[in-house]
Amino acid sequence: MGLFDLPAPLLAWFDAAVLGALPIALRLVVWGLIASVLSMGLYKLISPQRRIGRARQAALDARRKLASYDGEFSGLGSLAADSLSSSLRHVGLVTLPAIVASLPVLCMLAWLSNAYSYELPRAGQNYALNFTLATGATADDPDDPGEIGGWGHSHGIWPRPDQPWEIKDEAGRTILVLPLQIAVPTIHKRTWWNFFFGNPLGYIPDDSELHEFTVELPSRTVIDLGPGWLSGWEATFLTVLLLASVAIKFAFRIH
């Protein structure tokens, strides 16, 4: 797991044990509400609200003076500098708390992407595989796969759980076992960003000629309405998150 995947087991347990009886769309509404409460609550807790309020008012006053100034051009510089410094002071006070408050949302986004983006085929259904081969990797730099050397495509029948199929690389090492336990379509070699966001399927060994392997899984439809980009989990979750966060901000007068 990556750093932002650490809460994933707890999120998965809550989703199955507490929200399991709800339709997927309602689960995402609940997750959006939870994310907004956690994020805005954490922001209010760690941010200097009084100082932010004073800085915000000072920035508004400075901009108002600048907008209403009708004197000599020589006097404009000090007003512009005051407006800029006031705005930067306000931004400086809110930036770090906002970054910290976004961490629960990042953790939830990472888990939701793995849990709700795709569906697993049923046993006996057709599926497709795609892979790319890496050439040019050297023993002293195994993390650099070098130039992509080729690609391949094949089809198959999705196996039953009691008849798993192992996919091996050129060295006979098992890369993937079908049927998958989680609907994540791609396995690849480990990269730097996997320190933050891990791949639940694991990773291809650095010295393998196989660079990436993708199982073409069907996308999960949450709301079958409108264009395709509205049908996934992202639209429902992010809409609820945004609206609930704005409502909390105004209801509790969070600066």
C-alpha atoms as a PDB file:
ATOM      1  CA  MET A   1       0.000   0.000   0.000  1.00  0.00           C
ATOM      2  CA  GLY A   2       0.987   3.586  -0.555  1.00  0.00           C
ATOM      3  CA  LEU A   3       0.939   6.327   2.061  1.00  0.00           C
ATOM      4  CA  PHE A   4      -2.567   7.484   1.113  1.00  0.00           C
ATOM      5  CA  ASP A   5      -3.830   3.877   1.048  1.00  0.00           C
ATOM      6  CA  LEU A   6      -3.307   3.284   4.784  1.00  0.00           C
ATOM      7  CA  PRO A   7      -6.980   4.005   5.697  1.00  0.00           C
ATOM      8  CA  ALA A   8      -8.221   1.737   2.871  1.00  0.00           C
ATOM      9  CA  PRO A   9      -8.950  -1.363   5.050  1.00  0.00           C
ATOM     10  CA  LEU A  10     -11.055   0.737   7.433  1.00  0.00           C
ATOM     11  CA  LEU A  11     -12.906   2.393   4.540  1.00  0.00           C
ATOM     12  CA  ALA A  12     -13.583  -0.970   2.907  1.00  0.00           C
ATOM     13  CA  TRP A  13     -14.900  -2.404   6.181  1.00  0.00           C
ATOM     14  CA  PHE A  14     -17.219   0.581   6.753  1.00  0.00           C
ATOM     15  CA  ASP A  15     -18.457   0.402   3.152  1.00  0.00           C
ATOM     16  CA  ALA A  16     -19.299  -3.294   3.428  1.00  0.00           C
ATOM     17  CA  ALA A  17     -20.520  -3.496   7.032  1.00  0.00           C
ATOM     18  CA  VAL A  18     -22.394  -0.195   7.386  1.00  0.00           C
ATOM     19  CA  LEU A  19     -23.259   0.915   3.840  1.00  0.00           C
ATOM     20  CA  GLY A  20     -23.497  -2.493   2.201  1.00  0.00           C
ATOM     21  CA  ALA A  21     -27.310  -2.499   1.996  1.00  0.00           C
ATOM     22  CA  LEU A  22     -27.468   0.840   0.160  1.00  0.00           C
ATOM     23  CA  PRO A  23     -27.378   1.326  -3.615  1.00  0.00           C
ATOM     24  CA  ILE A  24     -23.994   2.410  -4.900  1.00  0.00           C
ATOM     25  CA  ALA A  25     -25.178   5.950  -5.680  1.00  0.00           C
ATOM     26  CA  LEU A  26     -26.352   6.454  -2.085  1.00  0.00           C
ATOM     27  CA  ARG A  27     -23.098   5.027  -0.752  1.00  0.00           C
ATOM     28  CA  LEU A  28     -21.210   7.644  -2.743  1.00  0.00           C
ATOM     29  CA  VAL A  29     -23.489  10.365  -1.379  1.00  0.00           C
ATOM     30  CA  VAL A  30     -22.650   9.220   2.158  1.00  0.00           C
ATOM     31  CA  TRP A  31     -18.932   9.113   1.348  1.00  0.00           C
ATOM     32  CA  GLY A  32     -19.139  12.637  -0.089  1.00  0.00           C
ATOM     33  CA  LEU A  33     -20.817  13.869   3.102  1.00  0.00           C
ATOM     34  CA  ILE A  34     -18.239  12.128   5.300  1.00  0.00           C
ATOM     35  CA  ALA A  35     -15.349  13.566   3.256  1.00  0.00           C
ATOM     36  CA  SER A  36     -16.745  17.097   3.480  1.00  0.00           C
ATOM     37  CA  VAL A  37     -17.283  16.873   7.251  1.00  0.00           C
ATOM     38  CA  LEU A  38     -13.787  15.473   7.849  1.00  0.00           C
ATOM     39  CA  SER A  39     -12.073  17.962   5.569  1.00  0.00           C
ATOM     40  CA  MET A  40     -13.901  21.089   6.724  1.00  0.00           C
ATOM     41  CA  GLY A  41     -13.809  20.012  10.371  1.00  0.00           C
ATOM     42  CA  LEU A  42     -10.057  19.419  10.207  1.00  0.00           C
ATOM     43  CA  TYR A  43      -9.524  22.745   8.462  1.00  0.00           C
ATOM     44  CA  LYS A  44     -11.499  24.635  11.116  1.00  0.00           C
ATOM     45  CA  LEU A  45      -9.653  22.803  13.894  1.00  0.00           C
ATOM     46  CA  ILE A  46      -6.115  23.536  12.728  1.00  0.00           C
ATOM     47  CA  SER A  47      -6.501  26.910  11.038  1.00  0.00           C
ATOM     48  CA  PRO A  48      -6.173  30.222  12.950  1.00  0.00           C
ATOM     49  CA  GLN A  49      -9.713  31.341  12.237  1.00  0.00           C
ATOM     50  CA  ARG A  50      -9.516  34.736  13.978  1.00  0.00           C
ATOM     51  CA  ARG A  51      -6.277  35.674  12.236  1.00  0.00           C
ATOM     52  CA  ILE A  52      -7.652  34.485   8.902  1.00  0.00           C
ATOM     53  CA  GLY A  53     -10.798  36.544   9.455  1.00  0.00           C
ATOM     54  CA  ARG A  54      -8.784  39.676  10.204  1.00  0.00           C
ATOM     55  CA  ALA A  55      -6.472  39.063   7.248  1.00  0.00           C
ATOM     56  CA  ARG A  56      -9.421  38.494   4.935  1.00  0.00           C
ATOM     57  CA  GLN A  57     -11.086  41.714   6.050  1.00  0.00           C
ATOM     58  CA  ALA A  58      -7.821  43.625   5.668  1.00  0.00           C
ATOM     59  CA  ALA A  59      -7.420  42.286   2.134  1.00  0.00           C
ATOM     60  CA  LEU A  60     -10.992  43.298   1.263  1.00  0.00           C
ATOM     61  CA  ASP A  61     -10.460  46.781   2.686  1.00  0.00           C
ATOM     62  CA  ALA A  62      -7.197  47.195   0.763  1.00  0.00           C
ATOM     63  CA  ARG A  63      -8.824  46.126  -2.510  1.00  0.00           C
ATOM     64  CA  ARG A  64     -11.750  48.456  -1.852  1.00  0.00           C
ATOM     65  CA  LYS A  65      -9.410  51.411  -1.278  1.00  0.00           C
ATOM     66  CA  LEU A  66      -7.491  50.564  -4.428  1.00  0.00           C
ATOM     67  CA  ALA A  67     -10.653  50.284  -6.514  1.00  0.00           C
ATOM     68  CA  SER A  68     -12.059  53.576  -5.249  1.00  0.00           C
ATOM     69  CA  TYR A  69      -8.796  55.581  -5.474  1.00  0.00           C
ATOM     70  CA  ASP A  70      -9.155  58.675  -7.617  1.00  0.00           C
ATOM     71  CA  GLY A  71      -6.009  60.636  -6.813  1.00  0.00           C
ATOM     72  CA  GLU A  72      -2.581  61.151  -8.320  1.00  0.00           C
ATOM     73  CA  PHE A  73      -0.808  58.256 -10.029  1.00  0.00           C
ATOM     74  CA  SER A  74       2.098  58.560  -7.593  1.00  0.00           C
ATOM     75  CA  GLY A  75      -0.184  57.522  -4.742  1.00  0.00           C
ATOM     76  CA  LEU A  76      -1.348  54.392  -6.487  1.00  0.00           C
ATOM     77  CA  GLY A  77       1.797  52.369  -5.787  1.00  0.00           C
ATOM     78  CA  SER A  78       1.420  52.252  -2.018  1.00  0.00           C
ATOM     79  CA  LEU A  79      -2.234  51.197  -2.292  1.00  0.00           C
ATOM     80  CA  ALA A  80      -1.378  48.443  -4.782  1.00  0.00           C
ATOM     81  CA  ALA A  81       1.452  47.199  -2.566  1.00  0.00           C
ATOM     82  CA  ASP A  82      -0.829  47.180   0.469  1.00  0.00           C
ATOM     83  CA  SER A  83      -3.489  45.247  -1.444  1.00  0.00           C
ATOM     84  CA  LEU A  84      -0.943  42.681  -2.645  1.00  0.00           C
ATOM     85  CA  SER A  85       0.656  42.188   0.776  1.00  0.00           C
ATOM     86  CA  SER A  86      -2.753  41.845   2.457  1.00  0.00           C
ATOM     87  CA  SER A  87      -3.843  39.224  -0.058  1.00  0.00           C
ATOM     88  CA  LEU A  88      -0.582  37.294   0.297  1.00  0.00           C
ATOM     89  CA  ARG A  89      -0.908  37.368   4.084  1.00  0.00           C
ATOM     90  CA  HIS A  90      -4.394  35.883   3.792  1.00  0.00           C
ATOM     91  CA  VAL A  91      -3.229  33.189   1.359  1.00  0.00           C
ATOM     92  CA  GLY A  92      -0.282  32.340   3.596  1.00  0.00           C
ATOM     93  CA  LEU A  93      -2.552  31.734   6.583  1.00  0.00           C
ATOM     94  CA  VAL A  94      -4.945  29.399   4.747  1.00  0.00           C
ATOM     95  CA  THR A  95      -2.550  27.429   2.511  1.00  0.00           C
ATOM     96  CA  LEU A  96      -1.045  24.966   4.998  1.00  0.00           C
ATOM     97  CA  PRO A  97      -4.336  24.199   6.818  1.00  0.00           C
ATOM     98  CA  ALA A  98      -6.044  23.693   3.451  1.00  0.00           C
ATOM     99  CA  ILE A  99      -3.358  21.224   2.340  1.00  0.00           C
ATOM    100  CA  VAL A 100      -3.610  19.254   5.593  1.00  0.00           C
ATOM    101  CA  ALA A 101      -7.416  19.282   5.436  1.00  0.00           C
ATOM    102  CA  SER A 102      -7.314  17.810   1.924  1.00  0.00           C
ATOM    103  CA  LEU A 103      -5.520  14.643   3.092  1.00  0.00           C
ATOM    104  CA  PRO A 104      -8.713  12.779   4.136  1.00  0.00           C
ATOM    105  CA  VAL A 105     -10.188  13.504   0.712  1.00  0.00           C
ATOM    106  CA  LEU A 106      -7.054  12.226  -1.040  1.00  0.00           C
ATOM    107  CA  CYS A 107      -7.178   8.987   0.961  1.00  0.00           C
ATOM    108  CA  MET A 108     -10.846   8.561   0.125  1.00  0.00           C
ATOM    109  CA  LEU A 109     -10.286   9.296  -3.574  1.00  0.00           C
ATOM    110  CA  ALA A 110      -7.551   6.655  -3.742  1.00  0.00           C
ATOM    111  CA  TRP A 111      -9.780   4.028  -2.161  1.00  0.00           C
ATOM    112  CA  LEU A 112     -12.904   4.938  -4.155  1.00  0.00           C
ATOM    113  CA  SER A 113     -10.944   4.742  -7.409  1.00  0.00           C
ATOM    114  CA  ASN A 114      -9.985   1.135  -6.662  1.00  0.00           C
ATOM    115  CA  ALA A 115     -13.384   0.151  -5.252  1.00  0.00           C
ATOM    116  CA  TYR A 116     -15.840   1.767  -7.678  1.00  0.00           C
ATOM    117  CA  SER A 117     -14.184   2.431 -11.043  1.00  0.00           C
ATOM    118  CA  TYR A 118     -14.598  -1.031 -12.596  1.00  0.00           C
ATOM    119  CA  GLU A 119     -16.562  -4.261 -12.312  1.00  0.00           C
ATOM    120  CA  LEU A 120     -15.283  -7.819 -12.520  1.00  0.00           C
ATOM    121  CA  PRO A 121     -16.577 -10.023 -15.347  1.00  0.00           C
ATOM    122  CA  ARG A 122     -18.687 -13.033 -14.498  1.00  0.00           C
ATOM    123  CA  ALA A 123     -17.239 -16.506 -14.927  1.00  0.00           C
ATOM    124  CA  GLY A 124     -17.527 -17.548 -18.575  1.00  0.00           C
ATOM    125  CA  GLN A 125     -17.557 -14.007 -19.970  1.00  0.00           C
ATOM    126  CA  ASN A 126     -15.070 -12.951 -22.619  1.00  0.00           C
ATOM    127  CA  TYR A 127     -12.302 -10.584 -21.608  1.00  0.00           C
ATOM    128  CA  ALA A 128      -9.281  -9.000 -23.283  1.00  0.00           C
ATOM    129  CA  LEU A 129      -5.667  -8.634 -22.193  1.00  0.00           C
ATOM    130  CA  ASN A 130      -3.122  -6.037 -23.268  1.00  0.00           C
ATOM    131  CA  PHE A 131       0.556  -5.952 -22.388  1.00  0.00           C
ATOM    132  CA  THR A 132       3.679  -4.027 -23.261  1.00  0.00           C
ATOM    133  CA  LEU A 133       7.259  -5.284 -23.177  1.00  0.00           C
ATOM    134  CA  ALA A 134      10.213  -3.243 -21.972  1.00  0.00           C
ATOM    135  CA  THR A 135      13.676  -3.371 -23.511  1.00  0.00           C
ATOM    136  CA  GLY A 136      16.836  -1.531 -22.610  1.00  0.00           C
ATOM    137  CA  ALA A 137      16.680  -1.998 -18.825  1.00  0.00           C
ATOM    138  CA  THR A 138      20.102  -2.440 -17.285  1.00  0.00           C
ATOM    139  CA  ALA A 139      21.178  -4.278 -14.162  1.00  0.00           C
ATOM    140  CA  ASP A 140      22.579  -1.104 -12.567  1.00  0.00           C
ATOM    141  CA  ASP A 141      19.367   0.835 -13.218  1.00  0.00           C
ATOM    142  CA  PRO A 142      16.489  -1.643 -12.864  1.00  0.00           C
ATOM    143  CA  ASP A 143      13.921   1.074 -12.156  1.00  0.00           C
ATOM    144  CA  ASP A 144      14.331   2.526 -15.652  1.00  0.00           C
ATOM    145  CA  PRO A 145      12.511   0.224 -18.086  1.00  0.00           C
ATOM    146  CA  GLY A 146      13.969   2.054 -21.037  1.00  0.00           C
ATOM    147  CA  GLU A 147      12.239   2.099 -24.386  1.00  0.00           C
ATOM    148  CA  ILE A 148       8.958   0.271 -24.794  1.00  0.00           C
ATOM    149  CA  GLY A 149       9.902  -2.670 -26.960  1.00  0.00           C
ATOM    150  CA  GLY A 150       6.575  -4.116 -28.040  1.00  0.00           C
ATOM    151  CA  TRP A 151       2.989  -4.817 -27.177  1.00  0.00           C
ATOM    152  CA  GLY A 152       0.474  -7.630 -27.392  1.00  0.00           C
ATOM    153  CA  HIS A 153      -3.246  -8.314 -27.197  1.00  0.00           C
ATOM    154  CA  SER A 154      -5.236 -11.454 -26.504  1.00  0.00           C
ATOM    155  CA  HIS A 155      -8.684 -12.671 -25.485  1.00  0.00           C
ATOM    156  CA  GLY A 156      -9.874 -15.265 -23.028  1.00  0.00           C
ATOM    157  CA  ILE A 157     -12.739 -16.630 -20.952  1.00  0.00           C
ATOM    158  CA  TRP A 158     -12.995 -15.332 -17.397  1.00  0.00           C
ATOM    159  CA  PRO A 159     -12.262 -18.317 -15.114  1.00  0.00           C
ATOM    160  CA  ARG A 160     -14.207 -19.511 -12.098  1.00  0.00           C
ATOM    161  CA  PRO A 161     -12.711 -18.941  -8.618  1.00  0.00           C
ATOM    162  CA  ASP A 162     -12.109 -22.673  -8.224  1.00  0.00           C
ATOM    163  CA  GLN A 163     -10.223 -22.784 -11.548  1.00  0.00           C
ATOM    164  CA  PRO A 164      -7.788 -19.837 -11.378  1.00  0.00           C
ATOM    165  CA  TRP A 165      -5.429 -19.024 -14.209  1.00  0.00           C
ATOM    166  CA  GLU A 166      -1.925 -17.768 -13.490  1.00  0.00           C
ATOM    167  CA  ILE A 167      -0.260 -15.301 -15.840  1.00  0.00           C
ATOM    168  CA  LYS A 168       3.528 -15.672 -15.752  1.00  0.00           C
ATOM    169  CA  ASP A 169       6.414 -13.671 -17.147  1.00  0.00           C
ATOM    170  CA  GLU A 170       9.345 -14.962 -19.195  1.00  0.00           C
ATOM    171  CA  ALA A 171      11.100 -16.185 -16.027  1.00  0.00           C
ATOM    172  CA  GLY A 172       8.112 -18.240 -14.925  1.00  0.00           C
ATOM    173  CA  ARG A 173       7.166 -15.838 -12.132  1.00  0.00           C
ATOM    174  CA  THR A 174       3.445 -15.379 -11.472  1.00  0.00           C
ATOM    175  CA  ILE A 175       2.465 -11.827 -12.390  1.00  0.00           C
ATOM    176  CA  LEU A 176      -1.293 -12.024 -12.046  1.00  0.00           C
ATOM    177  CA  VAL A 177      -3.924 -14.554 -11.026  1.00  0.00           C
ATOM    178  CA  LEU A 178      -7.379 -14.562 -12.617  1.00  0.00           C
ATOM    179  CA  PRO A 179     -10.103 -14.119 -11.493  1.00  0.00           C
ATOM    180  CA  LEU A 180      -9.010 -10.918  -9.797  1.00  0.00           C
ATOM    181  CA  GLN A 181      -9.959 -10.315  -6.173  1.00  0.00           C
ATOM    182  CA  ILE A 182     -10.377  -6.569  -6.761  1.00  0.00           C
ATOM    183  CA  ALA A 183     -11.485  -4.721  -9.884  1.00  0.00           C
ATOM    184  CA  VAL A 184      -8.190  -2.989 -10.681  1.00  0.00           C
ATOM    185  CA  PRO A 185      -7.265  -3.413 -14.344  1.00  0.00           C
ATOM    186  CA  THR A 186      -3.527  -2.696 -14.528  1.00  0.00           C
ATOM    187  CA  ILE A 187      -0.361  -4.099 -13.002  1.00  0.00           C
ATOM    188  CA  HIS A 188       2.978  -2.461 -13.775  1.00  0.00           C
ATOM    189  CA  LYS A 189       6.478  -1.965 -12.477  1.00  0.00           C
ATOM    190  CA  ARG A 190       6.798   0.048  -9.316  1.00  0.00           C
ATOM    191  CA  THR A 191       7.249   3.807  -9.823  1.00  0.00           C
ATOM    192  CA  TRP A 192       8.029   6.697  -7.464  1.00  0.00           C
ATOM    193  CA  TRP A 193       4.397   7.737  -7.114  1.00  0.00           C
ATOM    194  CA  ASN A 194       3.475   4.294  -5.760  1.00  0.00           C
ATOM    195  CA  PHE A 195       4.991   5.480  -2.484  1.00  0.00           C
ATOM    196  CA  PHE A 196       1.871   7.653  -2.188  1.00  0.00           C
ATOM    197  CA  PHE A 197      -0.706   5.615  -4.132  1.00  0.00           C
ATOM    198  CA  GLY A 198      -0.088   1.889  -4.245  1.00  0.00           C
ATOM    199  CA  ASN A 199      -1.390  -0.729  -6.663  1.00  0.00           C
ATOM    200  CA  PRO A 200      -3.548  -3.360  -4.905  1.00  0.00           C
ATOM    201  CA  LEU A 201      -2.445  -5.940  -7.498  1.00  0.00           C
ATOM    202  CA  GLY A 202       1.208  -5.546  -6.588  1.00  0.00           C
ATOM    203  CA  TYR A 203       4.002  -4.903  -9.087  1.00  0.00           C
ATOM    204  CA  ILE A 204       5.867  -6.539 -11.932  1.00  0.00           C
ATOM    205  CA  PRO A 205       9.490  -7.368 -10.981  1.00  0.00           C
ATOM    206  CA  ASP A 206      11.941  -4.694 -12.143  1.00  0.00           C
ATOM    207  CA  ASP A 207      14.023  -7.181 -14.141  1.00  0.00           C
ATOM    208  CA  SER A 208      11.040  -8.615 -16.043  1.00  0.00           C
ATOM    209  CA  GLU A 209      10.693  -8.038 -19.782  1.00  0.00           C
ATOM    210  CA  LEU A 210       7.015  -7.410 -19.121  1.00  0.00           C
ATOM    211  CA  HIS A 211       6.463  -3.693 -18.577  1.00  0.00           C
ATOM    212  CA  GLU A 212       2.698  -3.422 -18.039  1.00  0.00           C
ATOM    213  CA  PHE A 213      -0.266  -5.776 -18.127  1.00  0.00           C
ATOM    214  CA  THR A 214      -3.880  -4.606 -18.469  1.00  0.00           C
ATOM    215  CA  VAL A 215      -7.123  -6.540 -18.159  1.00  0.00           C
ATOM    216  CA  GLU A 216      -9.946  -4.742 -19.985  1.00  0.00           C
ATOM    217  CA  LEU A 217     -12.577  -4.524 -17.251  1.00  0.00           C
ATOM    218  CA  PRO A 218     -16.037  -2.981 -17.761  1.00  0.00           C
ATOM    219  CA  SER A 219     -16.457   0.456 -16.200  1.00  0.00           C
ATOM    220  CA  ARG A 220     -18.941   0.681 -13.344  1.00  0.00           C
ATOM    221  CA  THR A 221     -22.057   2.741 -14.072  1.00  0.00           C
ATOM    222  CA  VAL A 222     -23.409   4.532 -11.020  1.00  0.00           C
ATOM    223  CA  ILE A 223     -26.047   6.745 -12.647  1.00  0.00           C
ATOM    224  CA  ASP A 224     -27.168   5.754 -16.129  1.00  0.00           C
ATOM    225  CA  LEU A 225     -28.079   9.268 -17.164  1.00  0.00           C
ATOM    226  CA  GLY A 226     -26.479  11.874 -19.386  1.00  0.00           C
ATOM    227  CA  PRO A 227     -22.980  11.695 -20.921  1.00  0.00           C
ATOM    228  CA  GLY A 228     -20.558   8.921 -20.001  1.00  0.00           C
ATOM    229  CA  TRP A 229     -18.381  11.090 -17.756  1.00  0.00           C
ATOM    230  CA  LEU A 230     -21.399  11.632 -15.477  1.00  0.00           C
ATOM    231  CA  SER A 231     -22.099   7.936 -15.030  1.00  0.00           C
ATOM    232  CA  GLY A 232     -19.036   7.058 -12.936  1.00  0.00           C
ATOM    233  CA  TRP A 233     -18.451   7.432  -9.215  1.00  0.00           C
ATOM    234  CA  GLU A 234     -16.457  10.638  -9.609  1.00  0.00           C
ATOM    235  CA  ALA A 235     -19.384  12.890 -10.596  1.00  0.00           C
ATOM    236  CA  THR A 236     -21.616  11.817  -7.695  1.00  0.00           C
ATOM    237  CA  PHE A 237     -18.908  11.885  -5.031  1.00  0.00           C
ATOM    238  CA  LEU A 238     -17.293  15.180  -6.070  1.00  0.00           C
ATOM    239  CA  THR A 239     -20.641  16.970  -6.499  1.00  0.00           C
ATOM    240  CA  VAL A 240     -21.785  15.999  -2.995  1.00  0.00           C
ATOM    241  CA  LEU A 241     -18.343  16.843  -1.579  1.00  0.00           C
ATOM    242  CA  LEU A 242     -18.366  20.325  -3.126  1.00  0.00           C
ATOM    243  CA  LEU A 243     -21.946  21.215  -2.202  1.00  0.00           C
ATOM    244  CA  ALA A 244     -21.660  19.873   1.351  1.00  0.00           C
ATOM    245  CA  SER A 245     -18.327  21.655   1.909  1.00  0.00           C
ATOM    246  CA  VAL A 246     -19.774  24.989   0.788  1.00  0.00           C
ATOM    247  CA  ALA A 247     -22.826  24.456   3.012  1.00  0.00           C
ATOM    248  CA  ILE A 248     -20.620  23.665   6.029  1.00  0.00           C
ATOM    249  CA  LYS A 249     -18.414  26.682   5.339  1.00  0.00           C
ATOM    250  CA  PHE A 250     -21.356  29.088   5.425  1.00  0.00           C
ATOM    251  CA  ALA A 251     -23.280  27.311   8.183  1.00  0.00           C
ATOM    252  CA  PHE A 252     -20.334  27.379  10.604  1.00  0.00           C
ATOM    253  CA  ARG A 253     -18.818  30.632   9.294  1.00  0.00           C
ATOM    254  CA  ILE A 254     -15.486  29.071   8.429  1.00  0.00           C
ATOM    255  CA  HIS A 255     -12.977  31.504   6.934  1.00  0.00           C
END
